[in-house]
């Protein structure tokens, strides 16, 4: 195998991985998980051990 073939195979593998990641990120089933994760910084501080009005 020469360097050109190896480079082509790696490029195709990375492209397939990229398409898989994009599909996973925009899949409907993940929407609720991503919305929940987006709200984590705004949750009450008492979940990390502090009282809310300290």
N, C-alpha and C. Protein backbone atom coordinates (compact mmCIF):
# COMPACT_ATOMS: atom_id res chain seq x y z
N UNK A 1 0.85 -1.19 0.00
CA UNK A 1 0.00 0.00 0.00
C UNK A 1 0.89 1.24 0.00
N UNK A 2 0.56 2.16 -0.85
CA UNK A 2 1.34 3.37 -0.89
C UNK A 2 0.66 4.47 -0.07
N UNK A 3 1.34 5.58 0.08
CA UNK A 3 0.87 6.68 0.93
C UNK A 3 -0.43 7.30 0.40
N UNK A 4 -0.60 7.32 -0.90
CA UNK A 4 -1.82 7.88 -1.48
C UNK A 4 -3.06 7.08 -1.12
N UNK A 5 -2.96 5.78 -1.14
CA UNK A 5 -4.08 4.91 -0.79
C UNK A 5 -4.41 5.02 0.70
N UNK A 6 -3.38 5.04 1.52
CA UNK A 6 -3.60 5.17 2.96
C UNK A 6 -4.26 6.51 3.28
N UNK A 7 -3.79 7.55 2.65
CA UNK A 7 -4.39 8.88 2.86
C UNK A 7 -5.84 8.92 2.42
N UNK A 8 -6.16 8.27 1.32
CA UNK A 8 -7.53 8.23 0.84
C UNK A 8 -8.44 7.46 1.80
N UNK A 9 -7.95 6.34 2.29
CA UNK A 9 -8.75 5.54 3.23
C UNK A 9 -8.99 6.31 4.51
N UNK A 10 -7.99 6.96 5.03
CA UNK A 10 -8.14 7.75 6.25
C UNK A 10 -9.12 8.90 6.03
N UNK A 11 -9.04 9.56 4.88
CA UNK A 11 -9.96 10.64 4.58
C UNK A 11 -11.40 10.14 4.55
N UNK A 12 -11.64 9.01 3.93
CA UNK A 12 -12.99 8.45 3.87
C UNK A 12 -13.47 8.08 5.27
N UNK A 13 -12.61 7.48 6.08
CA UNK A 13 -12.99 7.12 7.45
C UNK A 13 -13.35 8.35 8.28
N UNK A 14 -12.58 9.40 8.18
CA UNK A 14 -12.88 10.63 8.92
C UNK A 14 -14.17 11.27 8.42
N UNK A 15 -14.43 11.20 7.13
CA UNK A 15 -15.66 11.75 6.59
C UNK A 15 -16.87 10.97 7.11
N UNK A 16 -16.76 9.66 7.14
CA UNK A 16 -17.85 8.83 7.66
C UNK A 16 -18.07 9.12 9.15
N UNK A 17 -16.99 9.28 9.90
CA UNK A 17 -17.11 9.62 11.33
C UNK A 17 -17.78 10.99 11.49
N UNK A 18 -17.42 11.94 10.66
CA UNK A 18 -18.02 13.28 10.73
C UNK A 18 -19.52 13.21 10.45
N UNK A 19 -19.90 12.48 9.43
CA UNK A 19 -21.33 12.34 9.11
C UNK A 19 -22.06 11.66 10.28
N UNK A 20 -21.44 10.67 10.90
CA UNK A 20 -22.05 10.01 12.05
C UNK A 20 -22.24 10.95 13.22
N UNK A 21 -21.26 11.79 13.49
CA UNK A 21 -21.37 12.75 14.59
C UNK A 21 -22.46 13.78 14.30
N UNK A 22 -22.52 14.27 13.08
CA UNK A 22 -23.56 15.24 12.72
C UNK A 22 -24.94 14.59 12.83
N UNK A 23 -25.08 13.35 12.38
CA UNK A 23 -26.37 12.66 12.49
C UNK A 23 -26.76 12.51 13.95
N UNK A 24 -25.81 12.12 14.81
CA UNK A 24 -26.08 11.93 16.23
C UNK A 24 -26.48 13.25 16.89
N UNK A 25 -25.80 14.33 16.54
CA UNK A 25 -26.09 15.62 17.16
C UNK A 25 -27.47 16.14 16.79
N UNK A 26 -27.94 15.87 15.60
CA UNK A 26 -29.23 16.38 15.16
C UNK A 26 -30.35 15.35 15.22
N UNK A 27 -30.09 14.18 15.77
CA UNK A 27 -31.11 13.15 15.89
C UNK A 27 -32.17 13.58 16.91
N UNK A 28 -33.42 13.37 16.60
CA UNK A 28 -34.52 13.81 17.46
C UNK A 28 -34.46 13.24 18.86
N UNK A 29 -33.99 12.02 18.98
CA UNK A 29 -33.95 11.36 20.28
C UNK A 29 -33.02 12.02 21.28
N UNK A 30 -32.07 12.80 20.83
CA UNK A 30 -31.11 13.45 21.72
C UNK A 30 -31.53 14.84 22.13
N UNK A 31 -32.62 15.36 21.60
CA UNK A 31 -33.01 16.73 21.86
C UNK A 31 -33.23 17.00 23.35
N UNK A 32 -33.96 16.12 24.03
CA UNK A 32 -34.24 16.34 25.46
C UNK A 32 -32.95 16.30 26.28
N UNK A 33 -32.05 15.37 25.96
CA UNK A 33 -30.78 15.31 26.69
C UNK A 33 -29.98 16.59 26.51
N UNK A 34 -29.93 17.10 25.28
CA UNK A 34 -29.17 18.32 25.03
C UNK A 34 -29.83 19.53 25.69
N UNK A 35 -31.17 19.58 25.71
CA UNK A 35 -31.87 20.68 26.38
C UNK A 35 -31.61 20.63 27.88
N UNK A 36 -31.62 19.44 28.47
CA UNK A 36 -31.32 19.30 29.89
C UNK A 36 -29.89 19.73 30.19
N UNK A 37 -28.96 19.34 29.36
CA UNK A 37 -27.56 19.71 29.57
C UNK A 37 -27.36 21.22 29.42
N UNK A 38 -28.12 21.85 28.54
CA UNK A 38 -28.00 23.29 28.35
C UNK A 38 -28.49 24.06 29.56
N UNK A 39 -29.38 23.47 30.35
CA UNK A 39 -29.93 24.14 31.52
C UNK A 39 -29.11 23.90 32.80
N UNK A 40 -28.11 23.05 32.75
CA UNK A 40 -27.31 22.75 33.94
C UNK A 40 -26.71 23.98 34.62
N UNK A 41 -26.15 24.94 33.90
CA UNK A 41 -25.56 26.10 34.58
C UNK A 41 -26.59 26.95 35.31
N UNK A 42 -27.85 26.83 35.00
CA UNK A 42 -28.88 27.67 35.59
C UNK A 42 -29.62 26.99 36.73
N UNK A 43 -29.25 25.77 37.08
CA UNK A 43 -29.92 25.08 38.17
C UNK A 43 -29.48 25.65 39.51
N UNK A 44 -30.26 25.37 40.53
CA UNK A 44 -29.97 25.88 41.87
C UNK A 44 -28.61 25.40 42.36
N UNK A 45 -27.96 26.23 43.16
CA UNK A 45 -26.65 25.88 43.67
C UNK A 45 -26.70 24.84 44.77
N UNK A 46 -27.86 24.60 45.38
CA UNK A 46 -27.93 23.65 46.48
C UNK A 46 -27.63 22.23 46.03
N UNK A 47 -27.62 21.97 44.75
CA UNK A 47 -27.28 20.65 44.24
C UNK A 47 -25.79 20.36 44.36
N UNK A 48 -24.96 21.38 44.53
CA UNK A 48 -23.53 21.17 44.68
C UNK A 48 -23.10 21.36 46.13
N UNK A 49 -24.05 21.41 47.05
CA UNK A 49 -23.70 21.44 48.46
C UNK A 49 -23.86 22.79 49.13
N UNK A 50 -24.26 23.82 48.45
CA UNK A 50 -24.45 25.13 49.07
C UNK A 50 -25.93 25.42 49.21
N UNK A 51 -26.25 26.21 50.22
CA UNK A 51 -27.64 26.61 50.37
C UNK A 51 -27.95 27.72 49.36
N UNK A 52 -29.20 27.81 48.88
CA UNK A 52 -29.53 28.78 47.84
C UNK A 52 -29.30 30.23 48.20
N UNK A 53 -29.40 30.60 49.49
CA UNK A 53 -29.29 32.03 49.84
C UNK A 53 -28.07 32.31 50.70
N UNK A 54 -26.98 31.67 50.44
CA UNK A 54 -25.76 31.91 51.18
C UNK A 54 -25.02 33.09 50.64
